Amino acid sequence: MVLGGSETLGQGGVPNTYIEELLPVRLKGAFEVVRCEPPLELGLGKAAPDAARPALFWRHDVPPADDAQVMVWAGEHPVGLWHTVGKGRVYVFAGTVLGTGDGACIPFWETPFWAGLIERMAVK
């Protein structure tokens, strides 16, 4: 399981390493983290936010690998992806915990949606 952040994925020295080959996303390198303006709501379907309305403020702008399966969307953008590698699965959450809510938005990490997602990635 790989979680997005200011020092992970393309921003964390992973491009052109064996780790990149394992990921269900294609890295762009430095500066792939982009602000979500307006904040994007996470959900299990494309443009279908969860009832808890978990908000994402920054994300890694990385396209899915050819065989990636999308398990979480941020609006129209896939942010929770996985694929099979050997006998296991590799999960990437391309969202970050950067930014704060403004009262109208609830940061995704403060919602039950996030706890459920972590559980699904760790248990499956």
C-alpha atoms as a PDB file:
ATOM      1  CA  MET A   1       0.000   0.000   0.000  1.00  0.00           C
ATOM      2  CA  VAL A   2       1.404   3.371  -1.041  1.00  0.00           C
ATOM      3  CA  LEU A   3      -0.195   6.594   0.165  1.00  0.00           C
ATOM      4  CA  GLY A   4       0.187   9.927  -1.594  1.00  0.00           C
ATOM      5  CA  GLY A   5       1.868  12.899   0.018  1.00  0.00           C
ATOM      6  CA  SER A   6       4.311  15.704  -0.553  1.00  0.00           C
ATOM      7  CA  GLU A   7       7.307  13.312  -0.521  1.00  0.00           C
ATOM      8  CA  THR A   8       5.912  10.145  -2.128  1.00  0.00           C
ATOM      9  CA  LEU A   9       5.361   8.685  -5.585  1.00  0.00           C
ATOM     10  CA  GLY A  10       6.826  10.964  -8.280  1.00  0.00           C
ATOM     11  CA  GLN A  11       7.785  13.597  -5.731  1.00  0.00           C
ATOM     12  CA  GLY A  12       9.630  11.051  -3.593  1.00  0.00           C
ATOM     13  CA  GLY A  13      12.324   9.739  -5.903  1.00  0.00           C
ATOM     14  CA  VAL A  14      10.329   6.704  -7.025  1.00  0.00           C
ATOM     15  CA  PRO A  15      10.398   7.334 -10.820  1.00  0.00           C
ATOM     16  CA  ASN A  16      12.734   5.029 -12.744  1.00  0.00           C
ATOM     17  CA  THR A  17      13.110   2.587  -9.837  1.00  0.00           C
ATOM     18  CA  TYR A  18      11.911  -0.983  -9.387  1.00  0.00           C
ATOM     19  CA  ILE A  19       9.182   0.374  -7.103  1.00  0.00           C
ATOM     20  CA  GLU A  20       7.640   2.314  -9.987  1.00  0.00           C
ATOM     21  CA  GLU A  21       7.289  -0.934 -11.941  1.00  0.00           C
ATOM     22  CA  LEU A  22       5.079  -2.321  -9.154  1.00  0.00           C
ATOM     23  CA  LEU A  23       2.635   0.607  -9.045  1.00  0.00           C
ATOM     24  CA  PRO A  24      -0.848   0.695 -10.612  1.00  0.00           C
ATOM     25  CA  VAL A  25      -0.173   4.290 -11.722  1.00  0.00           C
ATOM     26  CA  ARG A  26       2.292   5.972 -14.088  1.00  0.00           C
ATOM     27  CA  LEU A  27       4.387   8.589 -12.354  1.00  0.00           C
ATOM     28  CA  LYS A  28       5.164  11.996 -13.836  1.00  0.00           C
ATOM     29  CA  GLY A  29       7.951  12.983 -11.445  1.00  0.00           C
ATOM     30  CA  ALA A  30       8.391  16.170  -9.475  1.00  0.00           C
ATOM     31  CA  PHE A  31       5.463  18.592  -9.391  1.00  0.00           C
ATOM     32  CA  GLU A  32       2.803  15.927 -10.006  1.00  0.00           C
ATOM     33  CA  VAL A  33       0.880  17.014  -6.887  1.00  0.00           C
ATOM     34  CA  VAL A  34      -1.887  19.407  -7.912  1.00  0.00           C
ATOM     35  CA  ARG A  35      -4.427  21.417  -5.967  1.00  0.00           C
ATOM     36  CA  CYS A  36      -8.071  20.402  -6.290  1.00  0.00           C
ATOM     37  CA  GLU A  37      -9.910  23.647  -7.011  1.00  0.00           C
ATOM     38  CA  PRO A  38     -12.627  23.332  -5.860  1.00  0.00           C
ATOM     39  CA  PRO A  39     -12.045  20.440  -3.447  1.00  0.00           C
ATOM     40  CA  LEU A  40     -13.124  17.091  -4.889  1.00  0.00           C
ATOM     41  CA  GLU A  41     -15.387  14.666  -3.057  1.00  0.00           C
ATOM     42  CA  LEU A  42     -14.336  11.019  -2.870  1.00  0.00           C
ATOM     43  CA  GLY A  43     -16.581   8.125  -3.797  1.00  0.00           C
ATOM     44  CA  LEU A  44     -16.597   4.582  -5.102  1.00  0.00           C
ATOM     45  CA  GLY A  45     -17.960   5.662  -8.484  1.00  0.00           C
ATOM     46  CA  LYS A  46     -16.867   8.266 -11.000  1.00  0.00           C
ATOM     47  CA  ALA A  47     -18.429  11.630 -10.059  1.00  0.00           C
ATOM     48  CA  ALA A  48     -20.472   9.826  -7.383  1.00  0.00           C
ATOM     49  CA  PRO A  49     -19.430  11.147  -3.945  1.00  0.00           C
ATOM     50  CA  ASP A  50     -19.867   9.112  -0.790  1.00  0.00           C
ATOM     51  CA  ALA A  51     -22.644  10.162   1.597  1.00  0.00           C
ATOM     52  CA  ALA A  52     -20.009  11.320   4.133  1.00  0.00           C
ATOM     53  CA  ARG A  53     -18.803  13.820   1.481  1.00  0.00           C
ATOM     54  CA  PRO A  54     -15.062  13.265   2.102  1.00  0.00           C
ATOM     55  CA  ALA A  55     -13.140  16.157   0.527  1.00  0.00           C
ATOM     56  CA  LEU A  56      -9.749  16.000  -1.201  1.00  0.00           C
ATOM     57  CA  PHE A  57      -7.722  19.219  -1.480  1.00  0.00           C
ATOM     58  CA  TRP A  58      -4.515  18.042  -3.191  1.00  0.00           C
ATOM     59  CA  ARG A  59      -3.769  14.927  -5.274  1.00  0.00           C
ATOM     60  CA  HIS A  60      -1.074  13.314  -7.358  1.00  0.00           C
ATOM     61  CA  ASP A  61      -2.013  13.822 -11.014  1.00  0.00           C
ATOM     62  CA  VAL A  62      -1.013  10.331 -12.167  1.00  0.00           C
ATOM     63  CA  PRO A  63      -2.744   8.239 -14.825  1.00  0.00           C
ATOM     64  CA  PRO A  64      -3.691   4.612 -14.176  1.00  0.00           C
ATOM     65  CA  ALA A  65      -1.465   1.823 -15.458  1.00  0.00           C
ATOM     66  CA  ASP A  66      -2.992  -0.248 -18.256  1.00  0.00           C
ATOM     67  CA  ASP A  67      -4.142  -3.038 -15.921  1.00  0.00           C
ATOM     68  CA  ALA A  68      -5.141  -0.865 -12.951  1.00  0.00           C
ATOM     69  CA  GLN A  69      -8.500  -1.212 -11.270  1.00  0.00           C
ATOM     70  CA  VAL A  70     -10.062   1.944  -9.816  1.00  0.00           C
ATOM     71  CA  MET A  71     -11.604   1.632  -6.370  1.00  0.00           C
ATOM     72  CA  VAL A  72     -11.947   5.333  -5.439  1.00  0.00           C
ATOM     73  CA  TRP A  73     -12.663   8.434  -7.477  1.00  0.00           C
ATOM     74  CA  ALA A  74     -12.182  12.106  -6.682  1.00  0.00           C
ATOM     75  CA  GLY A  75     -14.816  13.566  -8.954  1.00  0.00           C
ATOM     76  CA  GLU A  76     -13.687  12.491 -12.445  1.00  0.00           C
ATOM     77  CA  HIS A  77     -10.159  11.514 -11.316  1.00  0.00           C
ATOM     78  CA  PRO A  78      -9.133   8.013 -10.212  1.00  0.00           C
ATOM     79  CA  VAL A  79      -7.245   8.284  -6.904  1.00  0.00           C
ATOM     80  CA  GLY A  80      -7.535   4.841  -5.315  1.00  0.00           C
ATOM     81  CA  LEU A  81      -6.136   2.151  -7.603  1.00  0.00           C
ATOM     82  CA  TRP A  82      -4.785  -1.383  -7.417  1.00  0.00           C
ATOM     83  CA  HIS A  83      -3.447  -4.135  -9.602  1.00  0.00           C
ATOM     84  CA  THR A  84      -2.109  -7.634  -9.161  1.00  0.00           C
ATOM     85  CA  VAL A  85       1.630  -8.209  -8.955  1.00  0.00           C
ATOM     86  CA  GLY A  86       2.657 -11.841  -8.662  1.00  0.00           C
ATOM     87  CA  LYS A  87       0.521 -13.391  -5.926  1.00  0.00           C
ATOM     88  CA  GLY A  88      -0.371 -10.080  -4.293  1.00  0.00           C
ATOM     89  CA  ARG A  89      -1.923  -6.702  -4.922  1.00  0.00           C
ATOM     90  CA  VAL A  90      -0.384  -3.246  -4.858  1.00  0.00           C
ATOM     91  CA  TYR A  91      -2.630  -0.361  -3.803  1.00  0.00           C
ATOM     92  CA  VAL A  92      -2.013   3.341  -4.352  1.00  0.00           C
ATOM     93  CA  PHE A  93      -4.032   6.174  -2.886  1.00  0.00           C
ATOM     94  CA  ALA A  94      -3.013   9.227  -4.914  1.00  0.00           C
ATOM     95  CA  GLY A  95      -4.711  11.737  -2.637  1.00  0.00           C
ATOM     96  CA  THR A  96      -2.765  13.631   0.011  1.00  0.00           C
ATOM     97  CA  VAL A  97      -3.531  14.940   3.491  1.00  0.00           C
ATOM     98  CA  LEU A  98      -2.457  18.423   2.437  1.00  0.00           C
ATOM     99  CA  GLY A  99      -4.914  21.274   2.936  1.00  0.00           C
ATOM    100  CA  THR A 100      -7.714  21.913   5.386  1.00  0.00           C
ATOM    101  CA  GLY A 101     -11.460  22.147   5.278  1.00  0.00           C
ATOM    102  CA  ASP A 102     -13.233  25.470   5.353  1.00  0.00           C
ATOM    103  CA  GLY A 103     -16.277  24.355   7.289  1.00  0.00           C
ATOM    104  CA  ALA A 104     -18.178  23.466   4.129  1.00  0.00           C
ATOM    105  CA  CYS A 105     -15.772  20.605   3.337  1.00  0.00           C
ATOM    106  CA  ILE A 106     -14.817  17.698   5.572  1.00  0.00           C
ATOM    107  CA  PRO A 107     -11.247  16.470   5.003  1.00  0.00           C
ATOM    108  CA  PHE A 108     -11.446  12.865   3.802  1.00  0.00           C
ATOM    109  CA  TRP A 109      -9.172  11.632   6.602  1.00  0.00           C
ATOM    110  CA  GLU A 110     -11.773  12.786   9.158  1.00  0.00           C
ATOM    111  CA  THR A 111     -14.584  10.688   7.657  1.00  0.00           C
ATOM    112  CA  PRO A 112     -15.646   7.046   8.059  1.00  0.00           C
ATOM    113  CA  PHE A 113     -15.078   6.665   4.309  1.00  0.00           C
ATOM    114  CA  TRP A 114     -11.296   6.872   4.842  1.00  0.00           C
ATOM    115  CA  ALA A 115     -11.259   4.271   7.627  1.00  0.00           C
ATOM    116  CA  GLY A 116     -13.295   1.941   5.431  1.00  0.00           C
ATOM    117  CA  LEU A 117     -10.967   2.447   2.480  1.00  0.00           C
ATOM    118  CA  ILE A 118      -7.853   1.712   4.540  1.00  0.00           C
ATOM    119  CA  GLU A 119      -9.519  -1.438   5.849  1.00  0.00           C
ATOM    120  CA  ARG A 120     -10.436  -2.616   2.331  1.00  0.00           C
ATOM    121  CA  MET A 121      -6.878  -2.031   1.088  1.00  0.00           C
ATOM    122  CA  ALA A 122      -5.280  -3.774   4.071  1.00  0.00           C
ATOM    123  CA  VAL A 123      -7.627  -6.754   4.282  1.00  0.00           C
ATOM    124  CA  LYS A 124      -8.237  -7.628   0.622  1.00  0.00           C
END
